[in-house]
C-alpha atoms as a PDB file:
ATOM      1  CA  MET A   1       8.351   7.767  22.034  1.00  0.00           C
ATOM      2  CA  THR A   2       9.532   5.530  19.209  1.00  0.00           C
ATOM      3  CA  VAL A   3       7.672   2.222  18.980  1.00  0.00           C
ATOM      4  CA  VAL A   4       9.796  -0.667  17.768  1.00  0.00           C
ATOM      5  CA  HIS A   5       8.487  -3.997  16.546  1.00  0.00           C
ATOM      6  CA  GLY A   6      10.608  -6.690  14.966  1.00  0.00           C
ATOM      7  CA  GLN A   7      10.625  -7.793  11.370  1.00  0.00           C
ATOM      8  CA  PRO A   8       7.495  -9.843  10.607  1.00  0.00           C
ATOM      9  CA  LEU A   9       7.971 -13.331   9.220  1.00  0.00           C
ATOM     10  CA  LYS A  10       6.595 -13.926   5.734  1.00  0.00           C
ATOM     11  CA  CYS A  11       5.109 -17.054   4.253  1.00  0.00           C
ATOM     12  CA  TYR A  12       4.663 -17.792   0.554  1.00  0.00           C
ATOM     13  CA  HIS A  13       1.519 -18.595  -1.435  1.00  0.00           C
ATOM     14  CA  ARG A  14       1.721 -19.760  -5.038  1.00  0.00           C
ATOM     15  CA  VAL A  15      -0.807 -17.718  -7.028  1.00  0.00           C
ATOM     16  CA  GLY A  16      -0.769 -17.505 -10.833  1.00  0.00           C
ATOM     17  CA  PRO A  17       2.708 -16.426 -11.975  1.00  0.00           C
ATOM     18  CA  ALA A  18       3.871 -15.381  -8.497  1.00  0.00           C
ATOM     19  CA  GLU A  19       4.943 -16.734  -5.154  1.00  0.00           C
ATOM     20  CA  LEU A  20       3.215 -14.143  -3.038  1.00  0.00           C
ATOM     21  CA  ALA A  21       5.137 -13.136   0.105  1.00  0.00           C
ATOM     22  CA  VAL A  22       2.612 -12.515   2.888  1.00  0.00           C
ATOM     23  CA  VAL A  23       2.626 -11.471   6.519  1.00  0.00           C
ATOM     24  CA  GLU A  24      -0.257 -13.137   8.373  1.00  0.00           C
ATOM     25  CA  ALA A  25      -1.492 -12.189  11.829  1.00  0.00           C
ATOM     26  CA  GLY A  26      -4.493 -12.638  14.097  1.00  0.00           C
ATOM     27  CA  PRO A  27      -6.840 -15.466  15.023  1.00  0.00           C
ATOM     28  CA  ASP A  28      -9.064 -17.427  12.681  1.00  0.00           C
ATOM     29  CA  GLY A  29     -12.628 -16.197  12.930  1.00  0.00           C
ATOM     30  CA  ALA A  30     -11.675 -12.561  13.462  1.00  0.00           C
ATOM     31  CA  PRO A  31     -12.765 -10.059  10.776  1.00  0.00           C
ATOM     32  CA  PRO A  32     -10.585 -10.612   7.687  1.00  0.00           C
ATOM     33  CA  VAL A  33      -8.579  -7.560   6.615  1.00  0.00           C
ATOM     34  CA  LEU A  34      -6.286  -7.177   3.615  1.00  0.00           C
ATOM     35  CA  PHE A  35      -3.472  -4.621   4.021  1.00  0.00           C
ATOM     36  CA  LEU A  36      -1.896  -3.271   0.800  1.00  0.00           C
ATOM     37  CA  HIS A  37       1.303  -1.208   0.826  1.00  0.00           C
ATOM     38  CA  GLY A  38       2.616   1.339  -1.661  1.00  0.00           C
ATOM     39  CA  MET A  39       5.928   2.099  -3.353  1.00  0.00           C
ATOM     40  CA  PRO A  40       8.773   1.614  -2.482  1.00  0.00           C
ATOM     41  CA  THR A  41       7.723  -0.164   0.716  1.00  0.00           C
ATOM     42  CA  HIS A  42       6.439  -3.688   1.314  1.00  0.00           C
ATOM     43  CA  SER A  43       4.364  -5.468   3.968  1.00  0.00           C
ATOM     44  CA  TYR A  44       6.843  -4.401   6.655  1.00  0.00           C
ATOM     45  CA  LEU A  45       4.981  -1.068   6.518  1.00  0.00           C
ATOM     46  CA  TRP A  46       2.084  -2.547   8.483  1.00  0.00           C
ATOM     47  CA  ARG A  47       3.976  -4.104  11.427  1.00  0.00           C
ATOM     48  CA  HIS A  48       2.991  -1.427  13.988  1.00  0.00           C
ATOM     49  CA  VAL A  49      -0.642  -1.328  12.845  1.00  0.00           C
ATOM     50  CA  LEU A  50      -0.890  -5.133  13.062  1.00  0.00           C
ATOM     51  CA  HIS A  51       0.564  -4.969  16.559  1.00  0.00           C
ATOM     52  CA  GLU A  52      -2.068  -2.401  17.550  1.00  0.00           C
ATOM     53  CA  LEU A  53      -4.832  -4.646  16.168  1.00  0.00           C
ATOM     54  CA  ASP A  54      -3.386  -7.849  17.612  1.00  0.00           C
ATOM     55  CA  GLY A  55      -6.171 -10.368  18.215  1.00  0.00           C
ATOM     56  CA  GLU A  56      -8.875  -8.109  16.781  1.00  0.00           C
ATOM     57  CA  VAL A  57      -8.537  -8.931  13.077  1.00  0.00           C
ATOM     58  CA  ARG A  58      -7.340 -11.754  10.849  1.00  0.00           C
ATOM     59  CA  ALA A  59      -4.802  -9.842   8.796  1.00  0.00           C
ATOM     60  CA  TRP A  60      -3.070 -10.586   5.522  1.00  0.00           C
ATOM     61  CA  ALA A  61      -0.409  -8.168   4.269  1.00  0.00           C
ATOM     62  CA  PRO A  62       1.024  -9.307   0.904  1.00  0.00           C
ATOM     63  CA  ASP A  63       3.974  -7.822  -0.959  1.00  0.00           C
ATOM     64  CA  LEU A  64       2.659  -6.506  -4.272  1.00  0.00           C
ATOM     65  CA  MET A  65       4.198  -7.968  -7.412  1.00  0.00           C
ATOM     66  CA  GLY A  66       7.382  -6.092  -8.223  1.00  0.00           C
ATOM     67  CA  LEU A  67       8.063  -5.014  -4.644  1.00  0.00           C
ATOM     68  CA  GLY A  68       9.159  -6.680  -1.434  1.00  0.00           C
ATOM     69  CA  ASP A  69       9.838 -10.406  -1.383  1.00  0.00           C
ATOM     70  CA  THR A  70       7.156 -11.656  -3.767  1.00  0.00           C
ATOM     71  CA  ARG A  71       8.881 -13.935  -6.259  1.00  0.00           C
ATOM     72  CA  VAL A  72       7.833 -13.243  -9.815  1.00  0.00           C
ATOM     73  CA  SER A  73       9.474 -12.819 -13.190  1.00  0.00           C
ATOM     74  CA  PRO A  74      10.481  -9.213 -13.917  1.00  0.00           C
ATOM     75  CA  TYR A  75       8.626  -9.586 -17.211  1.00  0.00           C
ATOM     76  CA  GLU A  76       5.152 -10.120 -15.747  1.00  0.00           C
ATOM     77  CA  ASP A  77       2.335  -7.559 -15.924  1.00  0.00           C
ATOM     78  CA  PHE A  78       2.748  -5.275 -12.897  1.00  0.00           C
ATOM     79  CA  THR A  79      -0.150  -2.921 -13.660  1.00  0.00           C
ATOM     80  CA  ILE A  80      -2.659  -2.080 -10.943  1.00  0.00           C
ATOM     81  CA  PRO A  81      -5.520  -4.086 -12.571  1.00  0.00           C
ATOM     82  CA  MET A  82      -3.295  -7.168 -12.755  1.00  0.00           C
ATOM     83  CA  GLN A  83      -2.302  -6.733  -9.109  1.00  0.00           C
ATOM     84  CA  ALA A  84      -5.992  -6.670  -8.183  1.00  0.00           C
ATOM     85  CA  GLU A  85      -6.819  -9.749 -10.251  1.00  0.00           C
ATOM     86  CA  LEU A  86      -3.960 -11.704  -8.679  1.00  0.00           C
ATOM     87  CA  LEU A  87      -5.189 -10.792  -5.210  1.00  0.00           C
ATOM     88  CA  LEU A  88      -8.721 -11.907  -6.086  1.00  0.00           C
ATOM     89  CA  GLU A  89      -7.364 -15.241  -7.251  1.00  0.00           C
ATOM     90  CA  TRP A  90      -5.475 -15.542  -3.985  1.00  0.00           C
ATOM     91  CA  LEU A  91      -8.582 -14.685  -1.920  1.00  0.00           C
ATOM     92  CA  ASP A  92     -10.373 -17.482  -3.780  1.00  0.00           C
ATOM     93  CA  VAL A  93      -7.605 -19.885  -2.748  1.00  0.00           C
ATOM     94  CA  LEU A  94      -8.005 -18.733   0.855  1.00  0.00           C
ATOM     95  CA  GLY A  95     -11.762 -19.237   0.622  1.00  0.00           C
ATOM     96  CA  LEU A  96     -12.524 -15.602   1.458  1.00  0.00           C
ATOM     97  CA  ASP A  97     -15.646 -14.226  -0.203  1.00  0.00           C
ATOM     98  CA  ARG A  98     -15.295 -10.741   1.319  1.00  0.00           C
ATOM     99  CA  VAL A  99     -12.567  -8.857   3.123  1.00  0.00           C
ATOM    100  CA  ALA A 100     -12.026  -5.386   4.483  1.00  0.00           C
ATOM    101  CA  VAL A 101      -9.313  -3.664   2.452  1.00  0.00           C
ATOM    102  CA  VAL A 102      -6.836  -1.100   3.772  1.00  0.00           C
ATOM    103  CA  GLY A 103      -4.646   0.469   1.081  1.00  0.00           C
ATOM    104  CA  HIS A 104      -1.756   2.912   1.320  1.00  0.00           C
ATOM    105  CA  GLU A 105      -0.578   4.896  -1.717  1.00  0.00           C
ATOM    106  CA  GLN A 106      -0.284   2.474  -4.691  1.00  0.00           C
ATOM    107  CA  GLY A 107      -1.933  -0.178  -2.529  1.00  0.00           C
ATOM    108  CA  GLY A 108      -4.848   2.230  -2.331  1.00  0.00           C
ATOM    109  CA  ALA A 109      -5.005   2.232  -6.125  1.00  0.00           C
ATOM    110  CA  VAL A 110      -5.238  -1.576  -6.051  1.00  0.00           C
ATOM    111  CA  ALA A 111      -7.977  -1.306  -3.412  1.00  0.00           C
ATOM    112  CA  GLN A 112      -9.925   1.045  -5.695  1.00  0.00           C
ATOM    113  CA  GLN A 113      -9.688  -1.468  -8.528  1.00  0.00           C
ATOM    114  CA  LEU A 114     -11.164  -4.117  -6.220  1.00  0.00           C
ATOM    115  CA  VAL A 115     -14.017  -1.819  -5.174  1.00  0.00           C
ATOM    116  CA  ALA A 116     -14.742  -0.619  -8.701  1.00  0.00           C
ATOM    117  CA  ASN A 117     -14.739  -4.012 -10.403  1.00  0.00           C
ATOM    118  CA  HIS A 118     -15.619  -6.443  -7.607  1.00  0.00           C
ATOM    119  CA  PRO A 119     -17.469  -4.464  -4.906  1.00  0.00           C
ATOM    120  CA  GLU A 120     -19.094  -7.643  -3.592  1.00  0.00           C
ATOM    121  CA  ARG A 121     -15.652  -8.801  -2.422  1.00  0.00           C
ATOM    122  CA  VAL A 122     -14.944  -5.694  -0.291  1.00  0.00           C
ATOM    123  CA  SER A 123     -16.822  -5.481   3.015  1.00  0.00           C
ATOM    124  CA  HIS A 124     -15.106  -2.265   4.202  1.00  0.00           C
ATOM    125  CA  LEU A 125     -12.672   0.156   2.565  1.00  0.00           C
ATOM    126  CA  CYS A 126      -9.965   2.295   4.164  1.00  0.00           C
ATOM    127  CA  LEU A 127      -7.739   4.477   1.970  1.00  0.00           C
ATOM    128  CA  VAL A 128      -4.590   5.927   3.529  1.00  0.00           C
ATOM    129  CA  ASP A 129      -2.683   8.697   1.697  1.00  0.00           C
ATOM    130  CA  SER A 130      -3.794   6.896  -1.420  1.00  0.00           C
ATOM    131  CA  VAL A 131      -3.026   7.387  -5.069  1.00  0.00           C
ATOM    132  CA  ALA A 132      -6.296   8.594  -6.619  1.00  0.00           C
ATOM    133  CA  TYR A 133      -7.707  10.290  -9.714  1.00  0.00           C
ATOM    134  CA  ASP A 134      -4.768  11.726 -11.688  1.00  0.00           C
ATOM    135  CA  SER A 135      -2.466  12.229  -8.677  1.00  0.00           C
ATOM    136  CA  TRP A 136       0.085   9.713  -9.975  1.00  0.00           C
ATOM    137  CA  PRO A 137       2.908   9.968 -10.763  1.00  0.00           C
ATOM    138  CA  VAL A 138       4.064  12.579  -8.269  1.00  0.00           C
ATOM    139  CA  PRO A 139       7.036  14.740  -9.386  1.00  0.00           C
ATOM    140  CA  LEU A 140       9.648  12.573  -7.635  1.00  0.00           C
ATOM    141  CA  VAL A 141       8.291   9.486  -9.369  1.00  0.00           C
ATOM    142  CA  THR A 142       8.023  11.293 -12.713  1.00  0.00           C
ATOM    143  CA  ARG A 143      11.761  11.970 -12.584  1.00  0.00           C
ATOM    144  CA  ALA A 144      12.472   8.350 -11.658  1.00  0.00           C
ATOM    145  CA  MET A 145      10.259   7.106 -14.509  1.00  0.00           C
ATOM    146  CA  ARG A 146      12.157   9.286 -16.953  1.00  0.00           C
ATOM    147  CA  LEU A 147      15.402   7.646 -15.852  1.00  0.00           C
ATOM    148  CA  ALA A 148      13.787   4.199 -15.851  1.00  0.00           C
ATOM    149  CA  ARG A 149      13.102   4.470 -19.577  1.00  0.00           C
ATOM    150  CA  THR A 150      16.833   4.846 -20.293  1.00  0.00           C
ATOM    151  CA  PRO A 151      18.025   1.557 -21.857  1.00  0.00           C
ATOM    152  CA  GLY A 152      20.629  -0.262 -19.801  1.00  0.00           C
ATOM    153  CA  LEU A 153      20.445   2.054 -16.787  1.00  0.00           C
ATOM    154  CA  ASP A 154      19.931   0.337 -13.434  1.00  0.00           C
ATOM    155  CA  VAL A 155      17.720   3.233 -12.382  1.00  0.00           C
ATOM    156  CA  VAL A 156      16.763   1.930  -8.952  1.00  0.00           C
ATOM    157  CA  GLY A 157      20.348   1.166  -8.089  1.00  0.00           C
ATOM    158  CA  TYR A 158      21.329   4.607  -9.344  1.00  0.00           C
ATOM    159  CA  ALA A 159      18.547   6.337  -7.433  1.00  0.00           C
ATOM    160  CA  LEU A 160      19.259   4.456  -4.213  1.00  0.00           C
ATOM    161  CA  ASP A 161      23.035   4.533  -4.533  1.00  0.00           C
ATOM    162  CA  VAL A 162      22.831   0.998  -3.165  1.00  0.00           C
ATOM    163  CA  PRO A 163      26.587   0.398  -2.819  1.00  0.00           C
ATOM    164  CA  ARG A 164      26.858   3.256  -0.315  1.00  0.00           C
ATOM    165  CA  ARG A 165      23.459   2.620   1.324  1.00  0.00           C
ATOM    166  CA  VAL A 166      22.427   6.291   1.416  1.00  0.00           C
ATOM    167  CA  ALA A 167      18.790   5.549   0.706  1.00  0.00           C
ATOM    168  CA  HIS A 168      17.667   8.267   3.154  1.00  0.00           C
ATOM    169  CA  ALA A 169      18.513  11.031   0.692  1.00  0.00           C
ATOM    170  CA  ARG A 170      18.232   9.109  -2.560  1.00  0.00           C
ATOM    171  CA  ILE A 171      14.683   7.806  -2.466  1.00  0.00           C
ATOM    172  CA  GLY A 172      12.943  10.400  -0.364  1.00  0.00           C
ATOM    173  CA  PHE A 173      12.278   8.381   2.783  1.00  0.00           C
ATOM    174  CA  ALA A 174      13.309  11.338   4.918  1.00  0.00           C
ATOM    175  CA  ARG A 175      10.637  13.463   3.223  1.00  0.00           C
ATOM    176  CA  ALA A 176       7.978  10.774   3.695  1.00  0.00           C
ATOM    177  CA  VAL A 177       7.608  11.434   7.433  1.00  0.00           C
ATOM    178  CA  TYR A 178       7.106  14.526   9.543  1.00  0.00           C
ATOM    179  CA  ASP A 179       9.286  13.192  12.362  1.00  0.00           C
ATOM    180  CA  ARG A 180      12.455  11.938  10.698  1.00  0.00           C
ATOM    181  CA  SER A 181      13.576  10.093  13.837  1.00  0.00           C
ATOM    182  CA  ILE A 182      10.805   7.567  13.117  1.00  0.00           C
ATOM    183  CA  LEU A 183      12.704   6.120  10.157  1.00  0.00           C
ATOM    184  CA  THR A 184      15.925   4.779  11.618  1.00  0.00           C
ATOM    185  CA  GLY A 185      18.673   3.375   9.434  1.00  0.00           C
ATOM    186  CA  ASP A 186      17.561  -0.170  10.251  1.00  0.00           C
ATOM    187  CA  VAL A 187      13.994   0.559   9.137  1.00  0.00           C
ATOM    188  CA  ILE A 188      15.092   2.087   5.838  1.00  0.00           C
ATOM    189  CA  ASP A 189      17.542  -0.769   5.296  1.00  0.00           C
ATOM    190  CA  GLU A 190      14.648  -3.237   5.544  1.00  0.00           C
ATOM    191  CA  TYR A 191      12.627  -1.299   2.982  1.00  0.00           C
ATOM    192  CA  VAL A 192      15.643  -1.142   0.675  1.00  0.00           C
ATOM    193  CA  ARG A 193      16.750  -4.766   1.201  1.00  0.00           C
ATOM    194  CA  PRO A 194      14.623  -6.279  -1.637  1.00  0.00           C
ATOM    195  CA  LEU A 195      16.170  -3.717  -3.996  1.00  0.00           C
ATOM    196  CA  THR A 196      19.765  -4.705  -3.346  1.00  0.00           C
ATOM    197  CA  THR A 197      19.750  -7.397  -6.048  1.00  0.00           C
ATOM    198  CA  VAL A 198      19.743  -6.755  -9.780  1.00  0.00           C
ATOM    199  CA  GLU A 199      16.560  -8.812 -10.206  1.00  0.00           C
ATOM    200  CA  GLY A 200      14.828  -6.982  -7.353  1.00  0.00           C
ATOM    201  CA  ARG A 201      15.674  -3.634  -8.877  1.00  0.00           C
ATOM    202  CA  GLU A 202      14.474  -4.719 -12.308  1.00  0.00           C
ATOM    203  CA  ARG A 203      11.126  -5.797 -10.846  1.00  0.00           C
ATOM    204  CA  ALA A 204      10.837  -2.452  -9.055  1.00  0.00           C
ATOM    205  CA  ARG A 205      11.728  -0.608 -12.275  1.00  0.00           C
ATOM    206  CA  ARG A 206       8.947  -2.361 -14.150  1.00  0.00           C
ATOM    207  CA  PHE A 207       6.511  -1.753 -11.294  1.00  0.00           C
ATOM    208  CA  LEU A 208       7.450   1.913 -11.503  1.00  0.00           C
ATOM    209  CA  LEU A 209       6.859   2.079 -15.252  1.00  0.00           C
ATOM    210  CA  ALA A 210       3.523   0.253 -14.918  1.00  0.00           C
ATOM    211  CA  GLY A 211       2.020   3.124 -12.923  1.00  0.00           C
ATOM    212  CA  ASP A 212      -0.592   5.133 -14.797  1.00  0.00           C
ATOM    213  CA  ALA A 213      -3.306   7.573 -13.701  1.00  0.00           C
ATOM    214  CA  ARG A 214      -5.857   5.932 -15.982  1.00  0.00           C
ATOM    215  CA  TYR A 215      -6.119   3.000 -13.564  1.00  0.00           C
ATOM    216  CA  THR A 216      -7.464   5.219 -10.784  1.00  0.00           C
ATOM    217  CA  LEU A 217      -9.445   7.555 -13.017  1.00  0.00           C
ATOM    218  CA  GLU A 218     -11.398   4.591 -14.366  1.00  0.00           C
ATOM    219  CA  CYS A 219     -12.342   3.626 -10.788  1.00  0.00           C
ATOM    220  CA  VAL A 220     -14.193   6.848  -9.971  1.00  0.00           C
ATOM    221  CA  PRO A 221     -17.672   5.624 -11.053  1.00  0.00           C
ATOM    222  CA  GLY A 222     -17.154   2.486  -8.979  1.00  0.00           C
ATOM    223  CA  LEU A 223     -16.170   4.500  -5.917  1.00  0.00           C
ATOM    224  CA  ARG A 224     -19.295   6.629  -6.264  1.00  0.00           C
ATOM    225  CA  ALA A 225     -21.415   3.484  -6.507  1.00  0.00           C
ATOM    226  CA  TYR A 226     -19.815   1.618  -3.601  1.00  0.00           C
ATOM    227  CA  PRO A 227     -22.324   1.543  -0.722  1.00  0.00           C
ATOM    228  CA  GLY A 228     -20.073  -0.053   1.906  1.00  0.00           C
ATOM    229  CA  PRO A 229     -18.505   1.537   4.974  1.00  0.00           C
ATOM    230  CA  ALA A 230     -15.422   3.572   4.075  1.00  0.00           C
ATOM    231  CA  ALA A 231     -12.770   5.704   5.740  1.00  0.00           C
ATOM    232  CA  VAL A 232     -10.133   8.017   4.304  1.00  0.00           C
ATOM    233  CA  VAL A 233      -7.044   8.808   6.398  1.00  0.00           C
ATOM    234  CA  TRP A 234      -4.346  11.331   5.526  1.00  0.00           C
ATOM    235  CA  GLY A 235      -1.184  12.776   6.982  1.00  0.00           C
ATOM    236  CA  ALA A 236      -1.676  16.546   7.107  1.00  0.00           C
ATOM    237  CA  ASP A 237       1.988  17.073   6.217  1.00  0.00           C
ATOM    238  CA  ASP A 238       2.196  14.641   3.286  1.00  0.00           C
ATOM    239  CA  VAL A 239       4.556  16.335   0.808  1.00  0.00           C
ATOM    240  CA  PHE A 240       3.876  13.798  -1.960  1.00  0.00           C
ATOM    241  CA  LEU A 241       0.071  13.523  -2.006  1.00  0.00           C
ATOM    242  CA  SER A 242      -1.877  16.533  -0.808  1.00  0.00           C
ATOM    243  CA  PRO A 243      -4.751  16.010   1.665  1.00  0.00           C
ATOM    244  CA  SER A 244      -6.957  17.632  -0.989  1.00  0.00           C
ATOM    245  CA  TRP A 245      -6.984  14.245  -2.740  1.00  0.00           C
ATOM    246  CA  GLY A 246      -8.392  12.747   0.442  1.00  0.00           C
ATOM    247  CA  LEU A 247     -11.157  15.363   0.544  1.00  0.00           C
ATOM    248  CA  ARG A 248     -12.156  14.395  -2.999  1.00  0.00           C
ATOM    249  CA  LEU A 249     -12.233  10.725  -2.061  1.00  0.00           C
ATOM    250  CA  VAL A 250     -14.504  11.460   0.894  1.00  0.00           C
ATOM    251  CA  GLU A 251     -16.874  13.289  -1.431  1.00  0.00           C
ATOM    252  CA  ASP A 252     -16.947  10.378  -3.885  1.00  0.00           C
ATOM    253  CA  LEU A 253     -17.333   7.555  -1.345  1.00  0.00           C
ATOM    254  CA  PRO A 254     -20.932   7.482  -0.051  1.00  0.00           C
ATOM    255  CA  GLY A 255     -19.928   5.414   2.969  1.00  0.00           C
ATOM    256  CA  ALA A 256     -17.185   7.772   4.128  1.00  0.00           C
ATOM    257  CA  GLY A 257     -17.700  10.435   6.748  1.00  0.00           C
ATOM    258  CA  GLU A 258     -15.202  13.217   7.268  1.00  0.00           C
ATOM    259  CA  LEU A 259     -11.572  12.989   6.280  1.00  0.00           C
ATOM    260  CA  ASP A 260      -9.415  11.671   9.139  1.00  0.00           C
ATOM    261  CA  LEU A 261      -6.615  14.238   8.902  1.00  0.00           C
ATOM    262  CA  LEU A 262      -3.652  13.516  11.167  1.00  0.00           C
ATOM    263  CA  PRO A 263      -1.609  16.613  12.136  1.00  0.00           C
ATOM    264  CA  PHE A 264       2.194  16.528  12.260  1.00  0.00           C
ATOM    265  CA  CYS A 265       2.207  13.405  10.127  1.00  0.00           C
ATOM    266  CA  GLY A 266       3.681  12.780   6.694  1.00  0.00           C
ATOM    267  CA  HIS A 267       3.087  10.308   3.889  1.00  0.00           C
ATOM    268  CA  LEU A 268       3.924   7.126   5.792  1.00  0.00           C
ATOM    269  CA  VAL A 269       0.990   7.185   8.207  1.00  0.00           C
ATOM    270  CA  PRO A 270       1.409   3.500   9.231  1.00  0.00           C
ATOM    271  CA  GLU A 271       4.927   4.363  10.431  1.00  0.00           C
ATOM    272  CA  GLU A 272       4.105   7.634  12.212  1.00  0.00           C
ATOM    273  CA  ARG A 273       0.568   7.139  13.527  1.00  0.00           C
ATOM    274  CA  PRO A 274      -0.106   3.372  13.807  1.00  0.00           C
ATOM    275  CA  ALA A 275      -2.284   3.678  16.908  1.00  0.00           C
ATOM    276  CA  GLN A 276      -4.483   6.351  15.366  1.00  0.00           C
ATOM    277  CA  LEU A 277      -4.756   4.432  12.095  1.00  0.00           C
ATOM    278  CA  ALA A 278      -5.644   1.263  13.995  1.00  0.00           C
ATOM    279  CA  ALA A 279      -8.363   3.181  15.846  1.00  0.00           C
ATOM    280  CA  VAL A 280      -9.861   4.323  12.525  1.00  0.00           C
ATOM    281  CA  ILE A 281      -9.823   0.742  11.221  1.00  0.00           C
ATOM    282  CA  ARG A 282     -11.377  -0.493  14.459  1.00  0.00           C
ATOM    283  CA  ARG A 283     -14.248   2.014  14.202  1.00  0.00           C
ATOM    284  CA  LEU A 284     -14.712   1.161  10.526  1.00  0.00           C
ATOM    285  CA  LEU A 285     -15.075  -2.557  11.272  1.00  0.00           C
ATOM    286  CA  GLU A 286     -17.713  -1.842  13.917  1.00  0.00           C
ATOM    287  CA  ARG A 287     -20.046  -0.744  11.111  1.00  0.00           C
ATOM    288  CA  PRO A 288     -22.045  -3.442   9.290  1.00  0.00           C
ATOM    289  CA  GLY A 289     -20.089  -4.523   6.234  1.00  0.00           C
ATOM    290  CA  HIS A 290     -21.137  -4.437   2.599  1.00  0.00           C
ATOM    291  CA  GLU A 291     -22.733  -7.799   1.719  1.00  0.00           C
ATOM    292  CA  GLY A 292     -22.492  -7.505  -2.073  1.00  0.00           C
END
């Protein structure tokens, strides 16, 4: 059965150089949870998971700089460490000393930066089909990065073939799920929507070029030192990031148990298995959080 939830409304928070687009959900006083998406998605990725956790958590799902609807100059620093620092500044504005962090793919890389450099700010950690170690860029992204370095080429527009809206084949969404019926045309259109402007595509291009394995490799000592509760979730049929990366993360995170491997599920776990992912997050939050 396909679960359909409408497009979440976003609000904007001025933080540093950006107007951060954020989906907020849940009651005040519930456990605070930060949800971080990967590329080329945005906070829309989490709509089903937030529905599953409705009333149980106070959720914030921002659009990372360079993706989604966050308003920022295309010439800002879109590296993973800068993304993490901007989020810390925003958490300060919100008055949140500690939050649970759930990160998918590149959002997982940002989560690792938070854990490695500011472990006292992360009460719980959940990594979902996350970029880790030297797993990035994957071959599809390597090819896109090669094109992105070509002067004057609107690489994202070229890759997406935006005028004809055939993003299914162009950007690999169809390969990102095990059950392709999950990603309807309307869903893919919403993911692609921020990339239909020249400025949006330029931001995404610079986000793409800012990716570098050194940002996750440098986090490994911090992961090994992080004593807080952790969970690692992976789609067994992820064609972009092998579950073997998840097994390594489990070994390096003292607070993680076994890898939560979801059969018949691809890279976009929040799209394909929101109820199971929500259950993992729920169990994680039942454990006493890291106090710093």
